[in-house]
């Protein structure tokens, strides 16, 4: 497991993409360290799909996913960032894009994969927003269509990074974790209780997901 890395975001706004706005900052360097440690953790394995989650809401997983995706794209790798938090999506607000179409529409057969992709200003980084809130998120994320979507994404991207619901809150995150090569768990210093972090680790093990590391936020 990669080392825990503390990101001191201070009083910065929640939606700021530090790795884009301040690429030479200490925080951006820490994200590059996270990326490097993930690579070392998965050395020798063909690993391309990673899930970012947390024990509970409000621990910084979406901020981490967005900044980590930018960091990977800055290293000249083609990245797809997927917002699979179908209940409380937020990645579209980070990149100031529409959420009218997205993952839900693809899984329901209303939109083609490439038509829902949004090309960001970050060069090699593309975004797949969640789309409108569905009535059946568990069924959608655990479906064969979701599996096929991830396989299709791998034909166009070197890395697929997925933002999800908190692992202890809903079932769909467990289903997603099982489909990924690795999981990054985000915990918040001063908020996440040890018992909840340990429980999240057990849930991931039960889902047969590989926990590649923990990011300590704040």
Foldseek 3Di string as FASTA:
>chain_A
DFDAAEACPDPDDLLEQCCVVPVPDPNVVSLLVVVVLLCVLQPPHLFAEEEFAALAPPQNRLSSLRNNLLSVVVVVFQEEEEELALPDWDNCVSQVHDQQDFLVCQLVVNDPLVVQWADGPSPRYIYTTNHHRDPCSQPSLLDPSVLVSVVVVVVPGRHYYYYYHHQNPDDSVLSNQLSHQEYEYEGEPPPDDPVSRVVSVVSNVVSVGHHSYYYYYD
